């Protein structure tokens, strides 16, 4: 599998990232809003989207969250 970088932890970026993780890819999700990254690192989704919390939990070992574009 590949390492995938996603810019943006909103509805499109985060959902895309968790779907890639579900497929077995290692995913780095980058955003510019510190509160969003802190929430995700704590296992909380910063918006409501059916199924996303379960996907985040199931794929936690393949998901990384950052504020630094150098990490992506």
C-alpha atoms as a PDB file:
ATOM      1  CA  UNK A   1       0.000   0.000   0.000  1.00  0.00           C
ATOM      2  CA  UNK A   2       0.984   3.629  -0.368  1.00  0.00           C
ATOM      3  CA  UNK A   3       1.276   6.660   1.850  1.00  0.00           C
ATOM      4  CA  UNK A   4      -1.375   9.241   0.937  1.00  0.00           C
ATOM      5  CA  UNK A   5      -1.364  12.936   1.865  1.00  0.00           C
ATOM      6  CA  UNK A   6      -4.646  14.835   2.199  1.00  0.00           C
ATOM      7  CA  UNK A   7      -4.783  18.613   2.481  1.00  0.00           C
ATOM      8  CA  UNK A   8      -7.869  19.603   4.454  1.00  0.00           C
ATOM      9  CA  UNK A   9      -9.694  17.829   7.282  1.00  0.00           C
ATOM     10  CA  UNK A  10     -13.200  18.913   6.323  1.00  0.00           C
ATOM     11  CA  UNK A  11     -16.036  16.842   4.885  1.00  0.00           C
ATOM     12  CA  UNK A  12     -14.256  16.071   1.628  1.00  0.00           C
ATOM     13  CA  UNK A  13     -10.681  15.688   2.855  1.00  0.00           C
ATOM     14  CA  UNK A  14     -11.306  13.718   6.027  1.00  0.00           C
ATOM     15  CA  UNK A  15     -13.877  11.400   4.456  1.00  0.00           C
ATOM     16  CA  UNK A  16     -11.524  10.768   1.545  1.00  0.00           C
ATOM     17  CA  UNK A  17      -8.653  10.113   3.954  1.00  0.00           C
ATOM     18  CA  UNK A  18     -10.570   7.610   6.069  1.00  0.00           C
ATOM     19  CA  UNK A  19     -11.732   5.806   2.939  1.00  0.00           C
ATOM     20  CA  UNK A  20      -8.119   5.476   1.729  1.00  0.00           C
ATOM     21  CA  UNK A  21      -7.171   4.209   5.198  1.00  0.00           C
ATOM     22  CA  UNK A  22     -10.008   1.694   5.036  1.00  0.00           C
ATOM     23  CA  UNK A  23      -8.458   0.434   1.780  1.00  0.00           C
ATOM     24  CA  UNK A  24      -5.195  -0.140   3.678  1.00  0.00           C
ATOM     25  CA  UNK A  25      -3.214   3.002   2.844  1.00  0.00           C
ATOM     26  CA  UNK A  26      -1.282   5.045   5.427  1.00  0.00           C
ATOM     27  CA  UNK A  27      -2.825   8.518   5.379  1.00  0.00           C
ATOM     28  CA  UNK A  28      -1.555  11.877   6.624  1.00  0.00           C
ATOM     29  CA  UNK A  29      -4.300  14.500   6.927  1.00  0.00           C
ATOM     30  CA  UNK A  30      -3.125  18.116   7.126  1.00  0.00           C
ATOM     31  CA  UNK A  31      -5.210  21.137   8.092  1.00  0.00           C
ATOM     32  CA  UNK A  32      -4.519  24.736   9.110  1.00  0.00           C
ATOM     33  CA  UNK A  33      -6.984  24.793  12.017  1.00  0.00           C
ATOM     34  CA  UNK A  34      -5.239  23.595  15.198  1.00  0.00           C
ATOM     35  CA  UNK A  35      -8.528  22.795  16.966  1.00  0.00           C
ATOM     36  CA  UNK A  36      -9.518  20.424  14.162  1.00  0.00           C
ATOM     37  CA  UNK A  37      -6.220  18.551  14.336  1.00  0.00           C
ATOM     38  CA  UNK A  38      -6.374  18.367  18.147  1.00  0.00           C
ATOM     39  CA  UNK A  39      -9.917  16.996  17.948  1.00  0.00           C
ATOM     40  CA  UNK A  40      -8.944  14.343  15.413  1.00  0.00           C
ATOM     41  CA  UNK A  41      -5.882  13.332  17.403  1.00  0.00           C
ATOM     42  CA  UNK A  42      -8.193  12.845  20.397  1.00  0.00           C
ATOM     43  CA  UNK A  43     -10.460  10.616  18.303  1.00  0.00           C
ATOM     44  CA  UNK A  44     -13.254  13.151  17.858  1.00  0.00           C
ATOM     45  CA  UNK A  45     -14.693  14.079  14.459  1.00  0.00           C
ATOM     46  CA  UNK A  46     -15.169  17.879  14.181  1.00  0.00           C
ATOM     47  CA  UNK A  47     -18.426  17.480  12.203  1.00  0.00           C
ATOM     48  CA  UNK A  48     -21.234  14.947  11.780  1.00  0.00           C
ATOM     49  CA  UNK A  49     -20.917  12.386   9.004  1.00  0.00           C
ATOM     50  CA  UNK A  50     -22.471   8.932   9.341  1.00  0.00           C
ATOM     51  CA  UNK A  51     -19.917   6.153   9.648  1.00  0.00           C
ATOM     52  CA  UNK A  52     -16.836   8.379   9.881  1.00  0.00           C
ATOM     53  CA  UNK A  53     -16.264   7.946  13.645  1.00  0.00           C
ATOM     54  CA  UNK A  54     -16.282   4.164  13.216  1.00  0.00           C
ATOM     55  CA  UNK A  55     -13.884   4.355  10.264  1.00  0.00           C
ATOM     56  CA  UNK A  56     -11.552   6.625  12.244  1.00  0.00           C
ATOM     57  CA  UNK A  57     -11.515   4.191  15.138  1.00  0.00           C
ATOM     58  CA  UNK A  58     -11.050   1.113  12.962  1.00  0.00           C
ATOM     59  CA  UNK A  59      -8.196   2.693  10.972  1.00  0.00           C
ATOM     60  CA  UNK A  60      -6.525   4.765  13.704  1.00  0.00           C
ATOM     61  CA  UNK A  61      -3.136   3.079  13.173  1.00  0.00           C
ATOM     62  CA  UNK A  62      -3.123   4.190   9.512  1.00  0.00           C
ATOM     63  CA  UNK A  63      -4.199   7.805  10.120  1.00  0.00           C
ATOM     64  CA  UNK A  64      -1.944  10.692  11.148  1.00  0.00           C
ATOM     65  CA  UNK A  65      -3.011  14.340  11.596  1.00  0.00           C
ATOM     66  CA  UNK A  66      -0.741  17.357  11.238  1.00  0.00           C
ATOM     67  CA  UNK A  67      -0.582  21.127  10.885  1.00  0.00           C
ATOM     68  CA  UNK A  68       2.754  20.946   9.070  1.00  0.00           C
ATOM     69  CA  UNK A  69       2.694  20.666   5.258  1.00  0.00           C
ATOM     70  CA  UNK A  70       6.193  19.146   5.416  1.00  0.00           C
ATOM     71  CA  UNK A  71       4.623  16.003   6.932  1.00  0.00           C
ATOM     72  CA  UNK A  72       2.400  15.368   3.910  1.00  0.00           C
END
